[in-house]
Amino acid sequence: MTYFDNEEGAALKTAFEDVVLNWPGVTVKTMFGCPSYQANGTIFAVLVTDGVALTRLPGDHREQVERTFESGPFQAGEQTVTKWVQISIDDVVEIDSLVPHIKASYETALEESD
């Protein structure tokens, strides 16, 4: 099963990378067949074709995301990762409103990598 389609997710990937690739310590690798973003080696986000999973989202941000966006736990086949919040994105302009939450996941990952 493919979780990220390079063709369908191209605009999302570009928009996401325009935000995060200039942050210190950010690298990209493929996990679950998806572009995955790390801060100093600790994963903070995974793109799926129609959204993003934030892996280190602090509780207050998680509550706000769950109230504001269509979201749920990350699904990888039959495996559910409840600590990760997967947010559906219908239009890449939604990335702008997610930046504070993406940044929070990134900052938490940086702290954990120390």
PDB file of N, CA and C in Angstrom:
ATOM      1  N   MET A   1       0.837  -1.182   0.000  1.00  0.00           N
ATOM      2  CA  MET A   1       0.000   0.000   0.000  1.00  0.00           C
ATOM      3  C   MET A   1       0.885   1.250   0.000  1.00  0.00           C
ATOM      4  N   THR A   2       0.545   2.222  -0.820  1.00  0.00           N
ATOM      5  CA  THR A   2       1.282   3.470  -0.905  1.00  0.00           C
ATOM      6  C   THR A   2       0.592   4.534  -0.074  1.00  0.00           C
ATOM      7  N   TYR A   3       1.344   5.169   0.811  1.00  0.00           N
ATOM      8  CA  TYR A   3       0.791   6.219   1.658  1.00  0.00           C
ATOM      9  C   TYR A   3       1.064   7.605   1.092  1.00  0.00           C
ATOM     10  N   PHE A   4       2.072   7.680   0.200  1.00  0.00           N
ATOM     11  CA  PHE A   4       2.386   8.952  -0.435  1.00  0.00           C
ATOM     12  C   PHE A   4       2.587   8.722  -1.922  1.00  0.00           C
ATOM     13  N   ASP A   5       1.745   9.375  -2.719  1.00  0.00           N
ATOM     14  CA  ASP A   5       1.855   9.319  -4.167  1.00  0.00           C
ATOM     15  C   ASP A   5       2.620  10.568  -4.611  1.00  0.00           C
ATOM     16  N   ASN A   6       3.794  10.371  -5.207  1.00  0.00           N
ATOM     17  CA  ASN A   6       4.650  11.502  -5.585  1.00  0.00           C
ATOM     18  C   ASN A   6       3.971  12.477  -6.526  1.00  0.00           C
ATOM     19  N   GLU A   7       3.128  11.962  -7.407  1.00  0.00           N
ATOM     20  CA  GLU A   7       2.446  12.838  -8.353  1.00  0.00           C
ATOM     21  C   GLU A   7       1.330  13.625  -7.671  1.00  0.00           C
ATOM     22  N   GLU A   8       0.438  12.912  -6.982  1.00  0.00           N
ATOM     23  CA  GLU A   8      -0.693  13.573  -6.317  1.00  0.00           C
ATOM     24  C   GLU A   8      -0.251  14.463  -5.158  1.00  0.00           C
ATOM     25  N   GLY A   9       0.825  14.089  -4.484  1.00  0.00           N
ATOM     26  CA  GLY A   9       1.277  14.840  -3.315  1.00  0.00           C
ATOM     27  C   GLY A   9       2.365  15.858  -3.601  1.00  0.00           C
ATOM     28  N   ALA A  10       2.695  16.066  -4.880  1.00  0.00           N
ATOM     29  CA  ALA A  10       3.807  16.954  -5.244  1.00  0.00           C
ATOM     30  C   ALA A  10       3.624  18.381  -4.723  1.00  0.00           C
ATOM     31  N   ALA A  11       2.442  18.957  -4.900  1.00  0.00           N
ATOM     32  CA  ALA A  11       2.209  20.342  -4.459  1.00  0.00           C
ATOM     33  C   ALA A  11       2.295  20.443  -2.935  1.00  0.00           C
ATOM     34  N   LEU A  12       1.752  19.457  -2.232  1.00  0.00           N
ATOM     35  CA  LEU A  12       1.818  19.439  -0.774  1.00  0.00           C
ATOM     36  C   LEU A  12       3.276  19.349  -0.317  1.00  0.00           C
ATOM     37  N   LYS A  13       4.038  18.459  -0.940  1.00  0.00           N
ATOM     38  CA  LYS A  13       5.453  18.291  -0.573  1.00  0.00           C
ATOM     39  C   LYS A  13       6.212  19.591  -0.788  1.00  0.00           C
ATOM     40  N   THR A  14       5.998  20.239  -1.912  1.00  0.00           N
ATOM     41  CA  THR A  14       6.675  21.506  -2.199  1.00  0.00           C
ATOM     42  C   THR A  14       6.317  22.563  -1.170  1.00  0.00           C
ATOM     43  N   ALA A  15       5.032  22.708  -0.873  1.00  0.00           N
ATOM     44  CA  ALA A  15       4.578  23.710   0.100  1.00  0.00           C
ATOM     45  C   ALA A  15       5.144  23.422   1.489  1.00  0.00           C
ATOM     46  N   PHE A  16       5.149  22.155   1.887  1.00  0.00           N
ATOM     47  CA  PHE A  16       5.665  21.771   3.194  1.00  0.00           C
ATOM     48  C   PHE A  16       7.165  22.037   3.283  1.00  0.00           C
ATOM     49  N   GLU A  17       7.883  21.646   2.247  1.00  0.00           N
ATOM     50  CA  GLU A  17       9.328  21.828   2.253  1.00  0.00           C
ATOM     51  C   GLU A  17       9.723  23.294   2.171  1.00  0.00           C
ATOM     52  N   ASP A  18       8.900  24.121   1.530  1.00  0.00           N
ATOM     53  CA  ASP A  18       9.161  25.563   1.514  1.00  0.00           C
ATOM     54  C   ASP A  18       9.177  26.121   2.933  1.00  0.00           C
ATOM     55  N   VAL A  19       8.406  25.509   3.813  1.00  0.00           N
ATOM     56  CA  VAL A  19       8.341  25.950   5.207  1.00  0.00           C
ATOM     57  C   VAL A  19       9.499  25.382   6.023  1.00  0.00           C
ATOM     58  N   VAL A  20       9.727  24.073   5.966  1.00  0.00           N
ATOM     59  CA  VAL A  20      10.604  23.427   6.948  1.00  0.00           C
ATOM     60  C   VAL A  20      12.068  23.265   6.554  1.00  0.00           C
ATOM     61  N   LEU A  21      12.376  23.255   5.277  1.00  0.00           N
ATOM     62  CA  LEU A  21      13.753  22.925   4.903  1.00  0.00           C
ATOM     63  C   LEU A  21      14.776  23.993   5.284  1.00  0.00           C
ATOM     64  N   ASN A  22      14.331  25.194   5.599  1.00  0.00           N
ATOM     65  CA  ASN A  22      15.263  26.237   6.041  1.00  0.00           C
ATOM     66  C   ASN A  22      15.489  26.223   7.547  1.00  0.00           C
ATOM     67  N   TRP A  23      14.758  25.390   8.277  1.00  0.00           N
ATOM     68  CA  TRP A  23      14.927  25.320   9.726  1.00  0.00           C
ATOM     69  C   TRP A  23      16.212  24.560  10.040  1.00  0.00           C
ATOM     70  N   PRO A  24      16.959  24.978  11.056  1.00  0.00           N
ATOM     71  CA  PRO A  24      18.215  24.309  11.404  1.00  0.00           C
ATOM     72  C   PRO A  24      18.020  22.828  11.740  1.00  0.00           C
ATOM     73  N   GLY A  25      18.893  21.995  11.199  1.00  0.00           N
ATOM     74  CA  GLY A  25      18.906  20.570  11.531  1.00  0.00           C
ATOM     75  C   GLY A  25      17.882  19.719  10.822  1.00  0.00           C
ATOM     76  N   VAL A  26      17.103  20.271   9.882  1.00  0.00           N
ATOM     77  CA  VAL A  26      16.056  19.496   9.208  1.00  0.00           C
ATOM     78  C   VAL A  26      16.650  18.691   8.060  1.00  0.00           C
ATOM     79  N   THR A  27      16.332  17.403   8.064  1.00  0.00           N
ATOM     80  CA  THR A  27      16.700  16.506   6.972  1.00  0.00           C
ATOM     81  C   THR A  27      15.461  15.736   6.545  1.00  0.00           C
ATOM     82  N   VAL A  28      15.526  15.170   5.342  1.00  0.00           N
ATOM     83  CA  VAL A  28      14.402  14.411   4.783  1.00  0.00           C
ATOM     84  C   VAL A  28      14.879  12.999   4.466  1.00  0.00           C
ATOM     85  N   LYS A  29      14.069  12.014   4.801  1.00  0.00           N
ATOM     86  CA  LYS A  29      14.311  10.643   4.369  1.00  0.00           C
ATOM     87  C   LYS A  29      12.965   9.971   4.150  1.00  0.00           C
ATOM     88  N   THR A  30      12.965   8.817   3.560  1.00  0.00           N
ATOM     89  CA  THR A  30      11.726   8.100   3.276  1.00  0.00           C
ATOM     90  C   THR A  30      11.470   7.055   4.363  1.00  0.00           C
ATOM     91  N   MET A  31      10.264   7.123   4.945  1.00  0.00           N
ATOM     92  CA  MET A  31       9.793   6.127   5.911  1.00  0.00           C
ATOM     93  C   MET A  31       8.358   5.781   5.542  1.00  0.00           C
ATOM     94  N   PHE A  32       7.989   4.528   5.633  1.00  0.00           N
ATOM     95  CA  PHE A  32       6.646   4.075   5.261  1.00  0.00           C
ATOM     96  C   PHE A  32       6.352   4.451   3.801  1.00  0.00           C
ATOM     97  N   GLY A  33       7.382   4.671   2.987  1.00  0.00           N
ATOM     98  CA  GLY A  33       7.199   5.112   1.607  1.00  0.00           C
ATOM     99  C   GLY A  33       6.816   6.572   1.491  1.00  0.00           C
ATOM    100  N   CYS A  34       6.984   7.327   2.587  1.00  0.00           N
ATOM    101  CA  CYS A  34       6.575   8.730   2.651  1.00  0.00           C
ATOM    102  C   CYS A  34       7.775   9.624   2.956  1.00  0.00           C
ATOM    103  N   PRO A  35       7.734  10.873   2.465  1.00  0.00           N
ATOM    104  CA  PRO A  35       8.752  11.822   2.893  1.00  0.00           C
ATOM    105  C   PRO A  35       8.594  12.069   4.393  1.00  0.00           C
ATOM    106  N   SER A  36       9.696  11.911   5.117  1.00  0.00           N
ATOM    107  CA  SER A  36       9.686  12.075   6.565  1.00  0.00           C
ATOM    108  C   SER A  36      10.744  13.102   6.933  1.00  0.00           C
ATOM    109  N   TYR A  37      10.426  13.935   7.886  1.00  0.00           N
ATOM    110  CA  TYR A  37      11.259  15.083   8.220  1.00  0.00           C
ATOM    111  C   TYR A  37      11.773  14.938   9.642  1.00  0.00           C
ATOM    112  N   GLN A  38      13.078  15.145   9.786  1.00  0.00           N
ATOM    113  CA  GLN A  38      13.726  14.983  11.071  1.00  0.00           C
ATOM    114  C   GLN A  38      14.409  16.277  11.488  1.00  0.00           C
ATOM    115  N   ALA A  39      14.468  16.487  12.792  1.00  0.00           N
ATOM    116  CA  ALA A  39      15.228  17.585  13.383  1.00  0.00           C
ATOM    117  C   ALA A  39      16.373  16.953  14.159  1.00  0.00           C
ATOM    118  N   ASN A  40      17.577  17.145  13.668  1.00  0.00           N
ATOM    119  CA  ASN A  40      18.766  16.529  14.274  1.00  0.00           C
ATOM    120  C   ASN A  40      18.574  15.025  14.486  1.00  0.00           C
ATOM    121  N   GLY A  41      17.948  14.368  13.515  1.00  0.00           N
ATOM    122  CA  GLY A  41      17.784  12.922  13.553  1.00  0.00           C
ATOM    123  C   GLY A  41      16.520  12.410  14.218  1.00  0.00           C
ATOM    124  N   THR A  42      15.701  13.295  14.789  1.00  0.00           N
ATOM    125  CA  THR A  42      14.452  12.884  15.438  1.00  0.00           C
ATOM    126  C   THR A  42      13.280  13.306  14.555  1.00  0.00           C
ATOM    127  N   ILE A  43      12.458  12.338  14.197  1.00  0.00           N
ATOM    128  CA  ILE A  43      11.345  12.599  13.278  1.00  0.00           C
ATOM    129  C   ILE A  43      10.307  13.525  13.915  1.00  0.00           C
ATOM    130  N   PHE A  44       9.846  14.506  13.112  1.00  0.00           N
ATOM    131  CA  PHE A  44       8.791  15.403  13.610  1.00  0.00           C
ATOM    132  C   PHE A  44       7.589  15.466  12.679  1.00  0.00           C
ATOM    133  N   ALA A  45       7.717  14.981  11.429  1.00  0.00           N
ATOM    134  CA  ALA A  45       6.580  15.016  10.506  1.00  0.00           C
ATOM    135  C   ALA A  45       6.756  13.971   9.406  1.00  0.00           C
ATOM    136  N   VAL A  46       5.616  13.458   8.929  1.00  0.00           N
ATOM    137  CA  VAL A  46       5.567  12.518   7.814  1.00  0.00           C
ATOM    138  C   VAL A  46       4.460  12.990   6.882  1.00  0.00           C
ATOM    139  N   LEU A  47       4.782  13.129   5.599  1.00  0.00           N
ATOM    140  CA  LEU A  47       3.740  13.494   4.636  1.00  0.00           C
ATOM    141  C   LEU A  47       3.056  12.250   4.112  1.00  0.00           C
ATOM    142  N   VAL A  48       1.749  12.338   3.966  1.00  0.00           N
ATOM    143  CA  VAL A  48       0.966  11.342   3.241  1.00  0.00           C
ATOM    144  C   VAL A  48       0.337  12.093   2.073  1.00  0.00           C
ATOM    145  N   THR A  49      -0.218  11.383   1.115  1.00  0.00           N
ATOM    146  CA  THR A  49      -0.700  12.027  -0.101  1.00  0.00           C
ATOM    147  C   THR A  49      -1.620  13.203   0.176  1.00  0.00           C
ATOM    148  N   ASP A  50      -2.507  13.067   1.139  1.00  0.00           N
ATOM    149  CA  ASP A  50      -3.499  14.118   1.388  1.00  0.00           C
ATOM    150  C   ASP A  50      -3.382  14.738   2.778  1.00  0.00           C
ATOM    151  N   GLY A  51      -2.159  14.752   3.320  1.00  0.00           N
ATOM    152  CA  GLY A  51      -2.013  15.357   4.633  1.00  0.00           C
ATOM    153  C   GLY A  51      -0.629  15.196   5.214  1.00  0.00           C
ATOM    154  N   VAL A  52      -0.554  15.493   6.500  1.00  0.00           N
ATOM    155  CA  VAL A  52       0.706  15.412   7.230  1.00  0.00           C
ATOM    156  C   VAL A  52       0.449  14.805   8.601  1.00  0.00           C
ATOM    157  N   ALA A  53       1.366  13.966   9.041  1.00  0.00           N
ATOM    158  CA  ALA A  53       1.322  13.432  10.397  1.00  0.00           C
ATOM    159  C   ALA A  53       2.401  14.137  11.201  1.00  0.00           C
ATOM    160  N   LEU A  54       2.022  14.709  12.333  1.00  0.00           N
ATOM    161  CA  LEU A  54       2.970  15.351  13.223  1.00  0.00           C
ATOM    162  C   LEU A  54       3.256  14.387  14.366  1.00  0.00           C
ATOM    163  N   THR A  55       4.529  14.079  14.553  1.00  0.00           N
ATOM    164  CA  THR A  55       4.919  12.987  15.435  1.00  0.00           C
ATOM    165  C   THR A  55       5.289  13.404  16.850  1.00  0.00           C
ATOM    166  N   ARG A  56       5.547  14.685  17.056  1.00  0.00           N
ATOM    167  CA  ARG A  56       5.993  15.157  18.365  1.00  0.00           C
ATOM    168  C   ARG A  56       5.153  16.345  18.825  1.00  0.00           C
ATOM    169  N   LEU A  57       3.886  16.305  18.577  1.00  0.00           N
ATOM    170  CA  LEU A  57       3.009  17.435  18.858  1.00  0.00           C
ATOM    171  C   LEU A  57       2.685  17.527  20.350  1.00  0.00           C
ATOM    172  N   PRO A  58       3.055  18.639  21.000  1.00  0.00           N
ATOM    173  CA  PRO A  58       2.730  18.805  22.423  1.00  0.00           C
ATOM    174  C   PRO A  58       1.212  18.821  22.647  1.00  0.00           C
ATOM    175  N   GLY A  59       0.792  18.464  23.859  1.00  0.00           N
ATOM    176  CA  GLY A  59      -0.621  18.326  24.188  1.00  0.00           C
ATOM    177  C   GLY A  59      -1.499  19.515  23.858  1.00  0.00           C
ATOM    178  N   ASP A  60      -1.052  20.742  24.182  1.00  0.00           N
ATOM    179  CA  ASP A  60      -1.886  21.905  23.910  1.00  0.00           C
ATOM    180  C   ASP A  60      -2.075  22.111  22.409  1.00  0.00           C
ATOM    181  N   HIS A  61      -1.037  21.852  21.633  1.00  0.00           N
ATOM    182  CA  HIS A  61      -1.146  21.964  20.177  1.00  0.00           C
ATOM    183  C   HIS A  61      -2.033  20.845  19.623  1.00  0.00           C
ATOM    184  N   ARG A  62      -1.888  19.666  20.186  1.00  0.00           N
ATOM    185  CA  ARG A  62      -2.697  18.528  19.725  1.00  0.00           C
ATOM    186  C   ARG A  62      -4.183  18.823  19.911  1.00  0.00           C
ATOM    187  N   GLU A  63      -4.539  19.351  21.067  1.00  0.00           N
ATOM    188  CA  GLU A  63      -5.941  19.682  21.333  1.00  0.00           C
ATOM    189  C   GLU A  63      -6.459  20.710  20.338  1.00  0.00           C
ATOM    190  N   GLN A  64      -5.661  21.718  20.046  1.00  0.00           N
ATOM    191  CA  GLN A  64      -6.070  22.748  19.096  1.00  0.00           C
ATOM    192  C   GLN A  64      -6.216  22.164  17.691  1.00  0.00           C
ATOM    193  N   VAL A  65      -5.271  21.321  17.279  1.00  0.00           N
ATOM    194  CA  VAL A  65      -5.345  20.679  15.963  1.00  0.00           C
ATOM    195  C   VAL A  65      -6.609  19.835  15.861  1.00  0.00           C
ATOM    196  N   GLU A  66      -6.893  19.059  16.882  1.00  0.00           N
ATOM    197  CA  GLU A  66      -8.060  18.179  16.853  1.00  0.00           C
ATOM    198  C   GLU A  66      -9.368  18.958  16.816  1.00  0.00           C
ATOM    199  N   ARG A  67      -9.386  20.159  17.396  1.00  0.00           N
ATOM    200  CA  ARG A  67     -10.587  21.008  17.349  1.00  0.00           C
ATOM    201  C   ARG A  67     -10.732  21.722  16.005  1.00  0.00           C
ATOM    202  N   THR A  68      -9.616  22.040  15.368  1.00  0.00           N
ATOM    203  CA  THR A  68      -9.621  22.926  14.208  1.00  0.00           C
ATOM    204  C   THR A  68      -9.575  22.204  12.864  1.00  0.00           C
ATOM    205  N   PHE A  69      -8.923  21.063  12.806  1.00  0.00           N
ATOM    206  CA  PHE A  69      -8.694  20.370  11.544  1.00  0.00           C
ATOM    207  C   PHE A  69      -9.280  18.961  11.568  1.00  0.00           C
ATOM    208  N   GLU A  70      -9.537  18.438  10.383  1.00  0.00           N
ATOM    209  CA  GLU A  70      -9.911  17.023  10.281  1.00  0.00           C
ATOM    210  C   GLU A  70      -8.647  16.231  10.570  1.00  0.00           C
ATOM    211  N   SER A  71      -8.675  15.443  11.643  1.00  0.00           N
ATOM    212  CA  SER A  71      -7.467  14.743  12.056  1.00  0.00           C
ATOM    213  C   SER A  71      -7.805  13.438  12.760  1.00  0.00           C
ATOM    214  N   GLY A  72      -6.772  12.642  12.965  1.00  0.00           N
ATOM    215  CA  GLY A  72      -6.897  11.376  13.665  1.00  0.00           C
ATOM    216  C   GLY A  72      -5.522  10.777  13.821  1.00  0.00           C
ATOM    217  N   PRO A  73      -5.433   9.561  14.357  1.00  0.00           N
ATOM    218  CA  PRO A  73      -4.127   8.928  14.500  1.00  0.00           C
ATOM    219  C   PRO A  73      -3.561   8.520  13.134  1.00  0.00           C
ATOM    220  N   PHE A  74      -2.254   8.415  13.058  1.00  0.00           N
ATOM    221  CA  PHE A  74      -1.580   7.997  11.832  1.00  0.00           C
ATOM    222  C   PHE A  74      -1.871   6.521  11.579  1.00  0.00           C
ATOM    223  N   GLN A  75      -2.257   6.215  10.358  1.00  0.00           N
ATOM    224  CA  GLN A  75      -2.554   4.838   9.955  1.00  0.00           C
ATOM    225  C   GLN A  75      -1.493   4.362   8.969  1.00  0.00           C
ATOM    226  N   ALA A  76      -0.833   3.272   9.306  1.00  0.00           N
ATOM    227  CA  ALA A  76       0.123   2.633   8.404  1.00  0.00           C
ATOM    228  C   ALA A  76      -0.357   1.200   8.216  1.00  0.00           C
ATOM    229  N   GLY A  77      -1.213   0.990   7.223  1.00  0.00           N
ATOM    230  CA  GLY A  77      -1.819  -0.323   7.021  1.00  0.00           C
ATOM    231  C   GLY A  77      -2.711  -0.648   8.194  1.00  0.00           C
ATOM    232  N   GLU A  78      -2.452  -1.783   8.825  1.00  0.00           N
ATOM    233  CA  GLU A  78      -3.246  -2.187   9.982  1.00  0.00           C
ATOM    234  C   GLU A  78      -2.721  -1.587  11.275  1.00  0.00           C
ATOM    235  N   GLN A  79      -1.558  -0.949  11.211  1.00  0.00           N
ATOM    236  CA  GLN A  79      -0.960  -0.345  12.395  1.00  0.00           C
ATOM    237  C   GLN A  79      -1.468   1.083  12.591  1.00  0.00           C
ATOM    238  N   THR A  80      -1.884   1.383  13.807  1.00  0.00           N
ATOM    239  CA  THR A  80      -2.322   2.728  14.167  1.00  0.00           C
ATOM    240  C   THR A  80      -1.316   3.298  15.165  1.00  0.00           C
ATOM    241  N   VAL A  81      -0.798   4.479  14.850  1.00  0.00           N
ATOM    242  CA  VAL A  81       0.149   5.148  15.740  1.00  0.00           C
ATOM    243  C   VAL A  81      -0.609   6.299  16.407  1.00  0.00           C
ATOM    244  N   THR A  82      -1.133   6.037  17.598  1.00  0.00           N
ATOM    245  CA  THR A  82      -2.003   7.007  18.267  1.00  0.00           C
ATOM    246  C   THR A  82      -1.250   8.237  18.763  1.00  0.00           C
ATOM    247  N   LYS A  83       0.061   8.143  18.963  1.00  0.00           N
ATOM    248  CA  LYS A  83       0.828   9.307  19.422  1.00  0.00           C
ATOM    249  C   LYS A  83       1.040  10.314  18.301  1.00  0.00           C
ATOM    250  N   TRP A  84       0.871   9.901  17.073  1.00  0.00           N
ATOM    251  CA  TRP A  84       1.045  10.778  15.927  1.00  0.00           C
ATOM    252  C   TRP A  84      -0.327  11.292  15.490  1.00  0.00           C
ATOM    253  N   VAL A  85      -0.417  12.573  15.160  1.00  0.00           N
ATOM    254  CA  VAL A  85      -1.669  13.160  14.691  1.00  0.00           C
ATOM    255  C   VAL A  85      -1.577  13.381  13.189  1.00  0.00           C
ATOM    256  N   GLN A  86      -2.454  12.708  12.454  1.00  0.00           N
ATOM    257  CA  GLN A  86      -2.503  12.883  11.000  1.00  0.00           C
ATOM    258  C   GLN A  86      -3.590  13.900  10.669  1.00  0.00           C
ATOM    259  N   ILE A  87      -3.198  14.933   9.934  1.00  0.00           N
ATOM    260  CA  ILE A  87      -4.092  16.035   9.595  1.00  0.00           C
ATOM    261  C   ILE A  87      -4.377  15.988   8.096  1.00  0.00           C
ATOM    262  N   SER A  88      -5.648  15.964   7.737  1.00  0.00           N
ATOM    263  CA  SER A  88      -6.028  15.979   6.326  1.00  0.00           C
ATOM    264  C   SER A  88      -5.867  17.383   5.767  1.00  0.00           C
ATOM    265  N   ILE A  89      -5.319  17.462   4.564  1.00  0.00           N
ATOM    266  CA  ILE A  89      -5.117  18.751   3.902  1.00  0.00           C
ATOM    267  C   ILE A  89      -5.760  18.669   2.522  1.00  0.00           C
ATOM    268  N   ASP A  90      -6.786  19.494   2.323  1.00  0.00           N
ATOM    269  CA  ASP A  90      -7.486  19.519   1.036  1.00  0.00           C
ATOM    270  C   ASP A  90      -6.847  20.484   0.053  1.00  0.00           C
ATOM    271  N   ASP A  91      -6.215  21.532   0.581  1.00  0.00           N
ATOM    272  CA  ASP A  91      -5.614  22.568  -0.255  1.00  0.00           C
ATOM    273  C   ASP A  91      -4.295  22.970   0.392  1.00  0.00           C
ATOM    274  N   VAL A  92      -3.226  23.065  -0.395  1.00  0.00           N
ATOM    275  CA  VAL A  92      -1.905  23.342   0.170  1.00  0.00           C
ATOM    276  C   VAL A  92      -1.828  24.667   0.926  1.00  0.00           C
ATOM    277  N   VAL A  93      -2.754  25.586   0.678  1.00  0.00           N
ATOM    278  CA  VAL A  93      -2.734  26.851   1.434  1.00  0.00           C
ATOM    279  C   VAL A  93      -3.001  26.605   2.924  1.00  0.00           C
ATOM    280  N   GLU A  94      -3.564  25.451   3.262  1.00  0.00           N
ATOM    281  CA  GLU A  94      -3.799  25.105   4.666  1.00  0.00           C
ATOM    282  C   GLU A  94      -2.489  24.941   5.437  1.00  0.00           C
ATOM    283  N   ILE A  95      -1.390  24.712   4.739  1.00  0.00           N
ATOM    284  CA  ILE A  95      -0.089  24.584   5.396  1.00  0.00           C
ATOM    285  C   ILE A  95       0.192  25.831   6.235  1.00  0.00           C
ATOM    286  N   ASP A  96      -0.163  26.995   5.707  1.00  0.00           N
ATOM    287  CA  ASP A  96       0.092  28.243   6.434  1.00  0.00           C
ATOM    288  C   ASP A  96      -0.516  28.226   7.833  1.00  0.00           C
ATOM    289  N   SER A  97      -1.733  27.736   7.962  1.00  0.00           N
ATOM    290  CA  SER A  97      -2.385  27.708   9.271  1.00  0.00           C
ATOM    291  C   SER A  97      -1.835  26.598  10.173  1.00  0.00           C
ATOM    292  N   LEU A  98      -1.110  25.655   9.592  1.00  0.00           N
ATOM    293  CA  LEU A  98      -0.517  24.566  10.367  1.00  0.00           C
ATOM    294  C   LEU A  98       0.901  24.869  10.848  1.00  0.00           C
ATOM    295  N   VAL A  99       1.513  25.922  10.312  1.00  0.00           N
ATOM    296  CA  VAL A  99       2.915  26.204  10.630  1.00  0.00           C
ATOM    297  C   VAL A  99       3.191  26.243  12.137  1.00  0.00           C
ATOM    298  N   PRO A 100       2.365  26.891  12.974  1.00  0.00           N
ATOM    299  CA  PRO A 100       2.670  26.883  14.415  1.00  0.00           C
ATOM    300  C   PRO A 100       2.720  25.464  14.999  1.00  0.00           C
ATOM    301  N   HIS A 101       1.899  24.579  14.481  1.00  0.00           N
ATOM    302  CA  HIS A 101       1.857  23.201  14.992  1.00  0.00           C
ATOM    303  C   HIS A 101       3.023  22.380  14.438  1.00  0.00           C
ATOM    304  N   ILE A 102       3.345  22.599  13.182  1.00  0.00           N
ATOM    305  CA  ILE A 102       4.516  21.938  12.593  1.00  0.00           C
ATOM    306  C   ILE A 102       5.762  22.366  13.359  1.00  0.00           C
ATOM    307  N   LYS A 103       5.868  23.665  13.631  1.00  0.00           N
ATOM    308  CA  LYS A 103       7.019  24.213  14.362  1.00  0.00           C
ATOM    309  C   LYS A 103       7.087  23.621  15.771  1.00  0.00           C
ATOM    310  N   ALA A 104       5.945  23.451  16.423  1.00  0.00           N
ATOM    311  CA  ALA A 104       5.921  22.871  17.772  1.00  0.00           C
ATOM    312  C   ALA A 104       6.425  21.427  17.753  1.00  0.00           C
ATOM    313  N   SER A 105       6.024  20.660  16.749  1.00  0.00           N
ATOM    314  CA  SER A 105       6.496  19.281  16.613  1.00  0.00           C
ATOM    315  C   SER A 105       8.005  19.264  16.360  1.00  0.00           C
ATOM    316  N   TYR A 106       8.459  20.168  15.507  1.00  0.00           N
ATOM    317  CA  TYR A 106       9.883  20.316  15.203  1.00  0.00           C
ATOM    318  C   TYR A 106      10.668  20.665  16.468  1.00  0.00           C
ATOM    319  N   GLU A 107      10.196  21.643  17.228  1.00  0.00           N
ATOM    320  CA  GLU A 107      10.908  22.080  18.431  1.00  0.00           C
ATOM    321  C   GLU A 107      10.964  20.978  19.485  1.00  0.00           C
ATOM    322  N   THR A 108       9.903  20.206  19.605  1.00  0.00           N
ATOM    323  CA  THR A 108       9.893  19.076  20.529  1.00  0.00           C
ATOM    324  C   THR A 108      10.909  18.028  20.089  1.00  0.00           C
ATOM    325  N   ALA A 109      10.974  17.771  18.783  1.00  0.00           N
ATOM    326  CA  ALA A 109      11.956  16.824  18.250  1.00  0.00           C
ATOM    327  C   ALA A 109      13.381  17.305  18.525  1.00  0.00           C
ATOM    328  N   LEU A 110      13.608  18.603  18.357  1.00  0.00           N
ATOM    329  CA  LEU A 110      14.947  19.157  18.655  1.00  0.00           C
ATOM    330  C   LEU A 110      15.315  18.922  20.107  1.00  0.00           C
ATOM    331  N   GLU A 111      14.382  19.176  21.022  1.00  0.00           N
ATOM    332  CA  GLU A 111      14.628  18.977  22.443  1.00  0.00           C
ATOM    333  C   GLU A 111      14.949  17.517  22.742  1.00  0.00           C
ATOM    334  N   GLU A 112      14.218  16.605  22.088  1.00  0.00           N
ATOM    335  CA  GLU A 112      14.426  15.173  22.320  1.00  0.00           C
ATOM    336  C   GLU A 112      15.729  14.685  21.732  1.00  0.00           C
ATOM    337  N   SER A 113      16.270  15.396  20.748  1.00  0.00           N
ATOM    338  CA  SER A 113      17.500  14.957  20.100  1.00  0.00           C
ATOM    339  C   SER A 113      18.752  15.372  20.883  1.00  0.00           C
ATOM    340  N   ASP A 114      18.567  16.258  21.852  1.00  0.00           N
ATOM    341  CA  ASP A 114      19.732  16.717  22.654  1.00  0.00           C
ATOM    342  C   ASP A 114      20.288  15.636  23.544  1.00  0.00           C
TER     343      ASP A 114
END
